[in-house]
C-alpha cells in the first residue's frame, strides 16, 4: 500500500511539473473570485471594468447590441425548449394544459430596465442630471450591464488593448469568430493608416523576450486565451516588411544556395514561376534549407554547433558521426504543436553567440521551461531564411492564401481611395473631347477671381 501511495505521489509531482511548464496555475474552484473571472474577458488591463471604460462609445453600443442579440437568441431557444417539453408532457399524459410562463426574448432596452429595477426595487424620484453627468451615468450603466452579460454570452469576447508604434493604444472588442485579418481591417478604420499588406499584429512576451506576428488566418482570441492571468504580454500593431517576403522574393528561399548576384537578377516572371512550381502542385514544396546553427542544450548555459535540415514535418539534425542521409537524421522538433518566435537581446540574457536567435515552443508556455527549443544563427539573413521557411513548412498553402488576400485587400482599398479623391464632374455639362484627345476650350475650368492671365508671346520685346 505504501508503494502505491509513493507511486501516486510521484505521478502527481510529474503532473505538477508539466502543468507549471505550460504556464498554468492550478487553483481550487472556490478561489475563482469575480475579479479573476473578469480577467478572462480583457487583455492588457487590470480588470474588465477598466477595459470597458476604454472602449469608444460607438464600440460600447455595438457590444451592448451584440450582447442583447445573444440574450434574445438564448431566450428564444429556452422558449422553444420549454414549449417542446410541455408538448411532450401533454402527449405522454394524454391531456392538454395551457402553456404558461413562456418568456419572450428581451430587448436591449428591456434589459436595461430590468437591471435598474432589480438593483433598486422602489427607486425614489431623482432630479434630472446635467447633460455631461447624464452621459457619464448612461455609460456607467451600460458598463455594469455589459459586465454581467459578457459572462453569459454564448460567443467568447475579449476587450483587447492594442499598442501603437508611437506608444498610444486602441481598445477593441474581439470575439472568437474574428480572424487577425478582421482585426487588422478594424484597426485600419480606427487609425486611418495606409492599407499596406505589411501591417501586422504581434505579441510580445517580456519575460521570455520574444515576439511573434500572428498569421492573418488565426482566430485572435485563441492565442490570447493561452496567456496567464498575470501576464505582462502586449499586442502591438506595427509594420513588418518581412511579413510576406517569402512571396515577394521567393528566390531568396528556394535558390538560397546560389550567389547573391544571381538572386538579385531574378525577374518578376521567374518569381511567379517559382511560386507556381512550389505551391500549385499536388503537394507544397518547402525550401531545402540546411546549415550549421547553434543549439542551447537542455538545462545548460552552453551553445553547441550542430548541422540542421528543414523538412515539411519539422527540423532534423545530423548526430555526431552520422551523415546527412535520411536514415541517419534525428528529429529535433515537429511543427504541429509549436510556434516560432524571434527574440531580443539573447546574447546578454542567455550568453548566445549572436543576437540572431529564435525559439520554438507550445503557445501555452509563457515562461522559462525545459520544453522550449533555442536556436541561434550567425547573421540576420540566415535568421530570416529559417524563420520564414519554418512558417511556410508549418502553415503551408494557407500562408499563400493570406498573402493573396492581403494583396487584393490593399489594391481594392487603394482603388477606392483613388476614385473617391477624383473631382466629381457635373452631369449637366458632359466633357467633350476632340479627335486629337484634347478637351474643348469651353469645358476647361474657370480661373479663380484673382487670376491674372500671362502676357502673350513676344510681348515687350518690341517686335
Protein backbone atom coordinates (compact mmCIF):
# COMPACT_ATOMS: atom_id res chain seq x y z
CA UNK A 1 0.00 0.00 0.00
CA UNK A 2 2.88 2.36 0.80
CA UNK A 3 4.38 1.61 -2.61
CA UNK A 4 1.09 2.60 -4.33
CA UNK A 5 0.94 5.85 -2.35
CA UNK A 6 4.54 6.60 -3.23
CA UNK A 7 3.90 5.93 -6.94
CA UNK A 8 0.81 8.13 -6.87
CA UNK A 9 2.75 10.94 -5.14
CA UNK A 10 5.49 10.73 -7.78
CA UNK A 11 2.88 10.84 -10.55
CA UNK A 12 1.28 13.94 -9.04
CA UNK A 13 4.69 15.56 -8.83
CA UNK A 14 5.36 14.93 -12.53
CA UNK A 15 1.92 16.27 -13.46
CA UNK A 16 2.58 19.39 -11.40
CA UNK A 17 5.92 19.92 -13.16
CA UNK A 18 4.30 19.59 -16.58
CA UNK A 19 1.49 21.93 -15.57
CA UNK A 20 3.94 24.59 -14.42
CA UNK A 21 5.87 24.30 -17.68
CA UNK A 22 2.69 25.05 -19.63
CA UNK A 23 2.12 28.21 -17.64
CA UNK A 24 -0.96 27.03 -15.78
CA UNK A 25 -1.70 27.83 -12.15
CA UNK A 26 -3.90 25.20 -10.59
CA UNK A 27 -6.25 26.73 -8.06
CA UNK A 28 -9.27 25.46 -6.15
CA UNK A 29 -12.63 26.37 -7.65
CA UNK A 30 -13.60 28.29 -4.55
CA UNK A 31 -10.77 30.77 -5.17
CA UNK A 32 -12.23 31.94 -8.51
CA UNK A 33 -13.31 35.40 -7.44
CA UNK A 34 -15.20 37.81 -9.67
CA UNK A 35 -12.03 39.78 -10.40
CA UNK A 36 -10.28 36.61 -11.57
CA UNK A 37 -13.20 35.68 -13.80
CA UNK A 38 -13.24 39.15 -15.32
CA UNK A 39 -9.62 38.76 -16.40
CA UNK A 40 -10.85 36.13 -18.84
CA UNK A 41 -12.57 38.90 -20.79
CA UNK A 42 -9.83 41.54 -21.07
CA UNK A 43 -6.26 41.66 -22.34
CA UNK A 44 -3.87 44.44 -21.36
CA UNK A 45 -5.98 45.86 -18.49
CA UNK A 46 -6.03 45.42 -14.73
CA UNK A 47 -9.72 44.46 -14.81
CA UNK A 48 -12.68 44.25 -17.15
CA UNK A 49 -14.28 47.43 -15.83
CA UNK A 50 -11.19 49.43 -16.83
CA UNK A 51 -11.17 47.85 -20.30
CA UNK A 52 -14.86 48.67 -20.93
CA UNK A 53 -14.23 52.27 -19.87
CA UNK A 54 -11.55 52.49 -22.54
CA UNK A 55 -13.96 51.46 -25.30
CA UNK A 56 -15.20 54.23 -27.55
CA UNK A 57 -18.91 54.99 -27.20
CA UNK A 58 -19.92 53.50 -30.54
CA UNK A 59 -17.90 50.32 -29.79
CA UNK A 60 -19.61 50.01 -26.41
CA UNK A 61 -23.01 50.46 -28.07
CA UNK A 62 -22.12 47.81 -30.63
CA UNK A 63 -21.07 45.45 -27.82
CA UNK A 64 -24.34 46.03 -25.98
CA UNK A 65 -26.35 45.40 -29.14
CA UNK A 66 -24.38 42.21 -29.77
CA UNK A 67 -24.88 41.01 -26.21
CA UNK A 68 -28.58 41.87 -26.44
CA UNK A 69 -28.82 39.79 -29.59
CA UNK A 70 -27.05 36.89 -27.84
CA UNK A 71 -29.50 37.08 -24.94
CA UNK A 72 -32.51 37.24 -27.26
CA UNK A 73 -31.33 34.11 -29.12
CA UNK A 74 -30.77 32.31 -25.82
CA UNK A 75 -34.25 33.25 -24.61
CA UNK A 76 -35.75 32.02 -27.90
CA UNK A 77 -34.00 28.69 -27.51
CA UNK A 78 -35.20 28.38 -23.93
CA UNK A 79 -38.74 29.20 -25.03
CA UNK A 80 -38.57 26.59 -27.78
CA UNK A 81 -37.18 24.03 -25.33
CA UNK A 82 -39.92 24.76 -22.78
CA UNK A 83 -42.61 24.57 -25.48
CA UNK A 84 -41.28 21.24 -26.71
CA UNK A 85 -41.14 19.93 -23.13
CA UNK A 86 -44.76 20.96 -22.48
CA UNK A 87 -45.95 19.31 -25.70
CA UNK A 88 -44.06 16.12 -24.81
CA UNK A 89 -45.67 16.04 -21.35
CA UNK A 90 -49.11 16.57 -22.92
CA UNK A 91 -48.56 13.69 -25.30
CA UNK A 92 -47.40 11.37 -22.55
CA UNK A 93 -50.15 12.23 -20.05
CA UNK A 94 -52.98 12.22 -22.59
CA UNK A 95 -54.42 15.58 -21.62
CA UNK A 96 -53.60 19.14 -22.62
CA UNK A 97 -52.68 22.03 -20.41
CA UNK A 98 -52.45 25.63 -21.37
CA UNK A 99 -48.83 26.76 -21.84
CA UNK A 100 -47.77 29.26 -19.23
CA UNK A 101 -44.74 31.26 -18.16
CA UNK A 102 -43.00 31.16 -21.55
CA UNK A 103 -40.86 34.26 -21.68
CA UNK A 104 -40.42 36.26 -24.85
CA UNK A 105 -36.96 37.44 -25.92
CA UNK A 106 -35.87 40.53 -24.01
CA UNK A 107 -34.80 43.60 -25.93
CA UNK A 108 -31.77 45.70 -25.01
CA UNK A 109 -33.96 48.47 -23.60
CA UNK A 110 -35.84 45.92 -21.50
CA UNK A 111 -32.52 44.55 -20.25
CA UNK A 112 -31.53 47.99 -19.09
CA UNK A 113 -34.88 48.48 -17.39
CA UNK A 114 -34.65 45.10 -15.66
CA UNK A 115 -31.11 45.81 -14.50
CA UNK A 116 -32.08 49.13 -12.96
CA UNK A 117 -35.29 47.79 -11.42
CA UNK A 118 -33.55 44.75 -9.90
CA UNK A 119 -30.89 46.88 -8.26
CA UNK A 120 -33.46 49.27 -6.73
CA UNK A 121 -36.95 47.78 -6.22
CA UNK A 122 -38.64 51.06 -5.29
CA UNK A 123 -36.49 53.93 -6.55
CA UNK A 124 -37.27 57.38 -5.31
CA UNK A 125 -37.72 60.14 -7.88
CA UNK A 126 -34.40 61.89 -8.53
CA UNK A 127 -33.56 65.24 -10.00
CA UNK A 128 -32.54 65.25 -13.67
CA UNK A 129 -28.77 65.22 -14.13
CA UNK A 130 -26.90 67.84 -16.19
CA UNK A 131 -26.15 66.70 -19.78
CA UNK A 132 -22.48 65.83 -19.11
CA UNK A 133 -23.25 63.85 -15.96
CA UNK A 134 -26.22 62.16 -17.63
CA UNK A 135 -23.97 60.87 -20.43
CA UNK A 136 -21.40 59.62 -17.93
CA UNK A 137 -24.10 57.89 -15.91
CA UNK A 138 -25.53 56.29 -19.04
CA UNK A 139 -22.11 54.88 -19.93
CA UNK A 140 -21.64 53.62 -16.36
CA UNK A 141 -24.99 51.81 -16.55
CA UNK A 142 -24.03 50.27 -19.87
CA UNK A 143 -20.73 49.05 -18.45
CA UNK A 144 -22.45 47.49 -15.43
CA UNK A 145 -24.85 45.67 -17.71
CA UNK A 146 -22.07 44.64 -20.09
CA UNK A 147 -20.05 43.18 -17.19
CA UNK A 148 -22.92 40.82 -16.40
CA UNK A 149 -23.89 39.96 -19.94
CA UNK A 150 -20.32 39.27 -21.08
CA UNK A 151 -20.26 36.34 -18.67
CA UNK A 152 -23.47 34.95 -20.18
CA UNK A 153 -22.59 35.48 -23.86
CA UNK A 154 -22.57 32.34 -25.98
CA UNK A 155 -19.63 33.64 -28.05
CA UNK A 156 -16.42 34.39 -26.15
CA UNK A 157 -15.44 38.05 -26.33
CA UNK A 158 -12.29 39.87 -25.23
CA UNK A 159 -11.67 43.55 -24.68
CA UNK A 160 -8.15 43.99 -26.03
CA UNK A 161 -5.67 46.86 -25.72
CA UNK A 162 -3.54 47.16 -28.87
CA UNK A 163 -0.37 49.25 -28.61
CA UNK A 164 0.64 51.53 -31.47
CA UNK A 165 4.24 52.10 -32.58
CA UNK A 166 4.11 55.68 -31.18
CA UNK A 167 3.23 54.47 -27.67
CA UNK A 168 -0.52 55.24 -27.87
CA UNK A 169 -3.14 52.48 -27.78
CA UNK A 170 -6.50 51.46 -29.20
CA UNK A 171 -9.11 49.39 -27.38
CA UNK A 172 -11.01 46.79 -29.38
CA UNK A 173 -13.75 44.27 -28.72
CA UNK A 174 -12.75 40.96 -30.33
CA UNK A 175 -14.80 37.77 -30.34
CA UNK A 176 -13.73 34.22 -31.07
CA UNK A 177 -15.09 34.33 -34.65
CA UNK A 178 -12.78 37.12 -35.75
CA UNK A 179 -9.53 36.39 -37.53
CA UNK A 180 -6.42 38.54 -37.30
CA UNK A 181 -7.29 39.82 -40.79
CA UNK A 182 -10.66 41.07 -39.45
CA UNK A 183 -8.95 42.84 -36.55
CA UNK A 184 -6.40 44.45 -38.89
CA UNK A 185 -9.24 45.82 -41.05
CA UNK A 186 -10.83 47.23 -37.90
CA UNK A 187 -7.56 48.91 -36.94
CA UNK A 188 -7.21 50.40 -40.42
CA UNK A 189 -10.53 52.16 -39.92
CA UNK A 190 -9.65 53.36 -36.42
CA UNK A 191 -6.13 54.59 -37.18
CA UNK A 192 -6.71 55.87 -40.77
CA UNK A 193 -3.31 54.46 -41.74
CA UNK A 194 -2.44 53.14 -45.18
CA UNK A 195 -3.63 49.66 -46.12
CA UNK A 196 -0.19 48.15 -46.62
CA UNK A 197 -0.02 44.36 -46.56
CA UNK A 198 2.95 44.65 -44.18
CA UNK A 199 0.84 45.74 -41.19
CA UNK A 200 0.87 43.06 -38.50
CA UNK A 201 -0.44 42.24 -35.07
CA UNK A 202 2.40 40.99 -32.88
CA UNK A 203 2.51 39.53 -29.40
CA UNK A 204 5.47 40.31 -27.15
CA UNK A 205 6.49 38.37 -24.07
CA UNK A 206 8.80 40.47 -21.85
CA UNK A 207 9.69 37.53 -19.59
CA UNK A 208 10.96 35.38 -22.46
CA UNK A 209 11.95 38.46 -24.52
CA UNK A 210 10.16 37.09 -27.58
CA UNK A 211 7.96 38.40 -30.35
CA UNK A 212 5.67 36.69 -32.86
CA UNK A 213 3.49 38.12 -35.60
CA UNK A 214 0.06 36.49 -35.64
CA UNK A 215 -0.81 34.98 -39.02
CA UNK A 216 -3.78 36.59 -40.77
CA UNK A 217 -5.88 33.40 -40.71
CA UNK A 218 -5.53 32.83 -36.95
CA UNK A 219 -8.50 33.47 -34.66
CA UNK A 220 -7.06 36.09 -32.33
CA UNK A 221 -8.97 35.04 -29.19
CA UNK A 222 -7.39 31.57 -29.25
CA UNK A 223 -3.72 32.52 -28.69
CA UNK A 224 -4.68 35.33 -26.30
CA UNK A 225 -6.61 32.85 -24.16
CA UNK A 226 -3.34 31.00 -23.54
CA UNK A 227 -1.83 33.99 -21.72
CA UNK A 228 -1.55 33.62 -17.97
CA UNK A 229 -3.62 35.78 -15.62
CA UNK A 230 -0.67 37.91 -14.51
CA UNK A 231 0.86 38.13 -17.99
CA UNK A 232 2.81 41.23 -18.98
CA UNK A 233 2.44 40.33 -22.65
CA UNK A 234 1.35 43.01 -25.11
CA UNK A 235 -0.23 43.20 -28.55
CA UNK A 236 1.44 45.66 -30.91
CA UNK A 237 0.21 47.00 -34.26
CA UNK A 238 3.23 47.68 -36.46
CA UNK A 239 4.73 47.38 -39.93
CA UNK A 240 6.79 44.26 -40.61
CA UNK A 241 8.37 44.46 -44.10
CA UNK A 242 9.36 40.77 -43.92
CA UNK A 243 5.81 39.55 -43.26
CA UNK A 244 5.33 38.33 -46.84
CA UNK A 245 8.94 38.47 -48.03
CA UNK A 246 8.68 34.79 -48.92
CA UNK A 247 6.16 35.56 -51.68
CA UNK A 248 7.62 38.90 -52.76
CA UNK A 249 11.10 37.40 -53.27
CA UNK A 250 10.75 33.58 -53.29
CA UNK A 251 14.17 33.20 -54.94
CA UNK A 252 15.82 34.19 -51.65
CA UNK A 253 14.48 30.99 -50.09
CA UNK A 254 14.30 28.48 -52.94
CA UNK A 255 17.61 29.50 -54.52
CA UNK A 256 19.48 30.26 -51.30
CA UNK A 257 22.49 28.20 -52.44
CA UNK A 258 23.03 30.49 -55.45
CA UNK A 259 25.28 33.53 -55.27
CA UNK A 260 23.73 36.86 -54.27
CA UNK A 261 24.20 38.42 -57.71
CA UNK A 262 22.16 35.69 -59.39
CA UNK A 263 19.39 36.01 -56.78
CA UNK A 264 19.17 39.79 -57.24
CA UNK A 265 18.86 39.49 -61.03
CA UNK A 266 15.79 37.23 -60.95
CA UNK A 267 12.94 38.78 -62.96
CA UNK A 268 9.33 39.05 -61.80
CA UNK A 269 8.06 36.35 -64.17
CA UNK A 270 10.64 33.92 -62.79
CA UNK A 271 9.47 34.74 -59.26
CA UNK A 272 5.90 33.91 -60.27
CA UNK A 273 7.08 30.63 -61.79
CA UNK A 274 8.86 29.74 -58.55
CA UNK A 275 5.67 30.31 -56.56
CA UNK A 276 3.56 28.35 -59.03
CA UNK A 277 6.02 25.49 -59.17
CA UNK A 278 6.26 25.10 -55.39
CA UNK A 279 2.71 25.98 -54.28
CA UNK A 280 0.36 24.94 -57.11
CA UNK A 281 1.48 21.32 -57.39
CA UNK A 282 -0.10 18.27 -55.75
CA UNK A 283 1.97 18.95 -52.61
CA UNK A 284 3.70 22.04 -51.29
CA UNK A 285 7.49 22.09 -51.63
CA UNK A 286 9.38 23.52 -48.65
CA UNK A 287 12.80 25.14 -49.23
CA UNK A 288 15.58 22.57 -48.75
CA UNK A 289 17.21 24.73 -46.11
CA UNK A 290 20.12 23.31 -44.16
CA UNK A 291 23.20 24.51 -42.35
CA UNK A 292 25.02 24.99 -39.06
CA UNK A 293 23.10 26.56 -36.19
CA UNK A 294 23.88 26.97 -32.51
CA UNK A 295 21.74 24.90 -30.13
CA UNK A 296 21.29 25.70 -26.46
CA UNK A 297 21.37 22.35 -24.74
CA UNK A 298 18.68 21.41 -22.23
CA UNK A 299 19.43 22.63 -18.73
CA UNK A 300 22.80 24.04 -19.75
CA UNK A 301 24.12 27.52 -20.48
CA UNK A 302 26.40 26.39 -23.30
CA UNK A 303 25.59 26.55 -27.02
CA UNK A 304 26.74 23.75 -29.32
CA UNK A 305 27.04 23.96 -33.11
CA UNK A 306 25.04 21.34 -34.98
CA UNK A 307 24.02 20.73 -38.60
CA UNK A 308 20.24 21.15 -39.07
CA UNK A 309 17.95 20.42 -42.02
CA UNK A 310 14.44 21.73 -42.67
CA UNK A 311 11.72 19.33 -43.81
CA UNK A 312 7.96 19.76 -44.21
CA UNK A 313 7.28 17.95 -40.94
CA UNK A 314 9.91 19.60 -38.77
CA UNK A 315 13.59 20.28 -38.15
CA UNK A 316 16.12 17.43 -38.18
CA UNK A 317 19.78 17.30 -37.24
CA UNK A 318 22.79 15.14 -38.05
CA UNK A 319 24.01 13.21 -34.97
CA UNK A 320 27.73 13.04 -34.33
CA UNK A 321 29.48 10.57 -36.57
CA UNK A 322 26.49 10.29 -38.94
CA UNK A 323 25.82 11.51 -42.48
CA UNK A 324 23.09 13.74 -43.99
CA UNK A 325 21.21 10.76 -45.42
CA UNK A 326 17.57 10.45 -44.36
CA UNK A 327 18.12 7.25 -42.38
CA UNK A 328 20.75 8.93 -40.21
CA UNK A 329 18.79 12.11 -39.44
CA UNK A 330 17.33 12.60 -35.96
CA UNK A 331 14.16 14.62 -35.40
CA UNK A 332 14.81 17.80 -33.43
CA UNK A 333 11.22 19.11 -33.34
CA UNK A 334 7.95 18.87 -35.28
CA UNK A 335 5.82 21.91 -36.10
CA UNK A 336 2.27 20.75 -35.43
CA UNK A 337 2.23 21.79 -31.74
CA UNK A 338 4.67 24.70 -31.64
CA UNK A 339 5.03 28.27 -32.90
CA UNK A 340 8.19 30.12 -33.89
CA UNK A 341 9.23 33.28 -32.05
CA UNK A 342 12.05 35.75 -32.69
CA UNK A 343 13.98 37.01 -29.69
CA UNK A 344 15.57 40.16 -28.25
CA UNK A 345 18.99 40.51 -26.64
CA UNK A 346 19.63 36.80 -26.09
CA UNK A 347 23.36 37.44 -26.27
CA UNK A 348 23.06 39.05 -22.85
CA UNK A 349 20.15 37.01 -21.43
CA UNK A 350 21.39 33.51 -22.36
CA UNK A 351 25.00 34.17 -23.46
CA UNK A 352 24.07 33.28 -27.05
CA UNK A 353 26.84 33.52 -29.69
CA UNK A 354 24.84 36.23 -31.52
CA UNK A 355 21.57 38.14 -31.09
CA UNK A 356 20.02 36.43 -34.14
CA UNK A 357 18.08 33.78 -32.23
CA UNK A 358 14.66 32.14 -32.46
CA UNK A 359 12.78 29.71 -30.25
CA UNK A 360 10.15 27.04 -30.84
CA UNK A 361 7.58 26.40 -28.13
CA UNK A 362 3.99 25.48 -27.41
CA UNK A 363 1.84 28.67 -27.27
CA UNK A 364 0.73 27.91 -23.70
CA UNK A 365 4.30 28.03 -22.39
CA UNK A 366 4.58 31.60 -21.17
CA UNK A 367 7.72 31.42 -19.03
CA UNK A 368 11.06 29.64 -18.97
CA UNK A 369 10.66 25.90 -19.45
CA UNK A 370 12.65 22.81 -20.36
CA UNK A 371 10.23 22.32 -23.27
CA UNK A 372 11.48 25.40 -25.18
CA UNK A 373 13.94 24.85 -28.04
CA UNK A 374 16.57 27.58 -28.52
CA UNK A 375 18.46 28.09 -31.81
CA UNK A 376 20.91 30.80 -32.83
CA UNK A 377 22.03 31.93 -36.32
CA UNK A 378 25.25 33.58 -37.46
CA UNK A 379 23.59 36.61 -39.06
CA UNK A 380 20.27 38.34 -39.77
CA UNK A 381 19.96 36.89 -43.29
CA UNK A 382 20.24 33.32 -42.01
CA UNK A 383 17.69 34.10 -39.30
CA UNK A 384 15.23 35.40 -41.94
CA UNK A 385 15.78 32.26 -44.06
CA UNK A 386 14.94 29.92 -41.19
CA UNK A 387 12.05 31.87 -39.64
CA UNK A 388 10.17 32.42 -42.91
CA UNK A 389 10.82 28.92 -44.24
CA UNK A 390 9.58 27.38 -40.97
CA UNK A 391 6.37 29.46 -41.27
CA UNK A 392 5.79 28.01 -44.74
CA UNK A 393 6.54 24.48 -43.54
CA UNK A 394 4.08 24.88 -40.65
CA UNK A 395 1.16 26.64 -42.38
CA UNK A 396 1.64 25.55 -45.98
CA UNK A 397 -0.63 26.89 -48.72
CA UNK A 398 -2.81 28.82 -46.26
CA UNK A 399 0.05 31.30 -45.84
CA UNK A 400 0.00 31.92 -49.59
CA UNK A 401 -3.77 32.47 -49.43
CA UNK A 402 -3.20 35.03 -46.67
CA UNK A 403 -0.76 36.85 -48.95
CA UNK A 404 -3.16 36.82 -51.90
CA UNK A 405 -5.98 38.16 -49.73
CA UNK A 406 -3.73 40.92 -48.34
CA UNK A 407 -2.74 41.94 -51.89
CA UNK A 408 -6.38 42.04 -53.04
CA UNK A 409 -7.42 43.97 -49.95
CA UNK A 410 -4.67 46.57 -50.38
CA UNK A 411 -5.35 47.03 -54.10
CA UNK A 412 -9.13 47.27 -53.59
CA UNK A 413 -8.79 49.92 -50.89
CA UNK A 414 -6.24 51.86 -52.97
CA UNK A 415 -8.57 51.87 -55.97
CA UNK A 416 -11.49 53.01 -53.82
CA UNK A 417 -9.46 55.82 -52.27
CA UNK A 418 -8.28 56.92 -55.72
CA UNK A 419 -11.82 57.06 -57.06
CA UNK A 420 -13.14 59.00 -54.07
CA UNK A 421 -10.30 61.53 -54.42
CA UNK A 422 -11.16 62.32 -58.05
CA UNK A 423 -13.20 65.55 -58.59
CA UNK A 424 -16.86 64.93 -59.35
CA UNK A 425 -17.92 66.09 -62.84
CA UNK A 426 -21.24 67.84 -63.32
CA UNK A 427 -23.76 65.58 -65.10
CA UNK A 428 -25.38 68.59 -66.81
CA UNK A 429 -22.19 69.61 -68.66
CA UNK A 430 -20.52 66.49 -70.03
CA UNK A 431 -16.90 66.83 -71.13
CA UNK A 432 -16.45 67.00 -74.89
CA UNK A 433 -13.26 65.52 -76.33
CA UNK A 434 -11.95 66.44 -79.76
CA UNK A 435 -10.50 63.99 -82.23
CA UNK A 436 -6.96 64.74 -81.04
CA UNK A 437 -7.89 63.75 -77.49
CA UNK A 438 -7.80 67.29 -76.02
CA UNK A 439 -10.67 68.84 -74.09
CA UNK A 440 -12.57 71.63 -75.86
CA UNK A 441 -11.86 75.19 -74.68
CA UNK A 442 -15.35 75.77 -73.28
CA UNK A 443 -15.01 72.75 -70.95
CA UNK A 444 -11.90 73.99 -69.18
CA UNK A 445 -12.40 75.04 -65.53
CA UNK A 446 -12.96 78.71 -64.79
CA UNK A 447 -9.94 80.60 -63.41
CA UNK A 448 -10.09 81.95 -59.86
CA UNK A 449 -11.28 85.58 -59.43
CA UNK A 450 -7.77 86.93 -58.84
CA UNK A 451 -6.26 85.07 -61.79
CA UNK A 452 -4.01 87.31 -63.99
CA UNK A 453 -3.52 85.87 -67.49
CA UNK A 454 0.09 85.61 -68.71
CA UNK A 455 1.42 88.03 -71.33
CA UNK A 456 1.22 86.88 -74.96
CA UNK A 457 4.40 85.57 -76.60
CA UNK A 458 6.73 88.36 -77.73
CA UNK A 459 5.13 90.97 -75.52
CA UNK A 460 7.53 93.77 -74.51
CA UNK A 461 10.23 92.68 -76.98
CA UNK A 462 9.41 95.45 -79.48
CA UNK A 463 8.56 93.04 -82.28
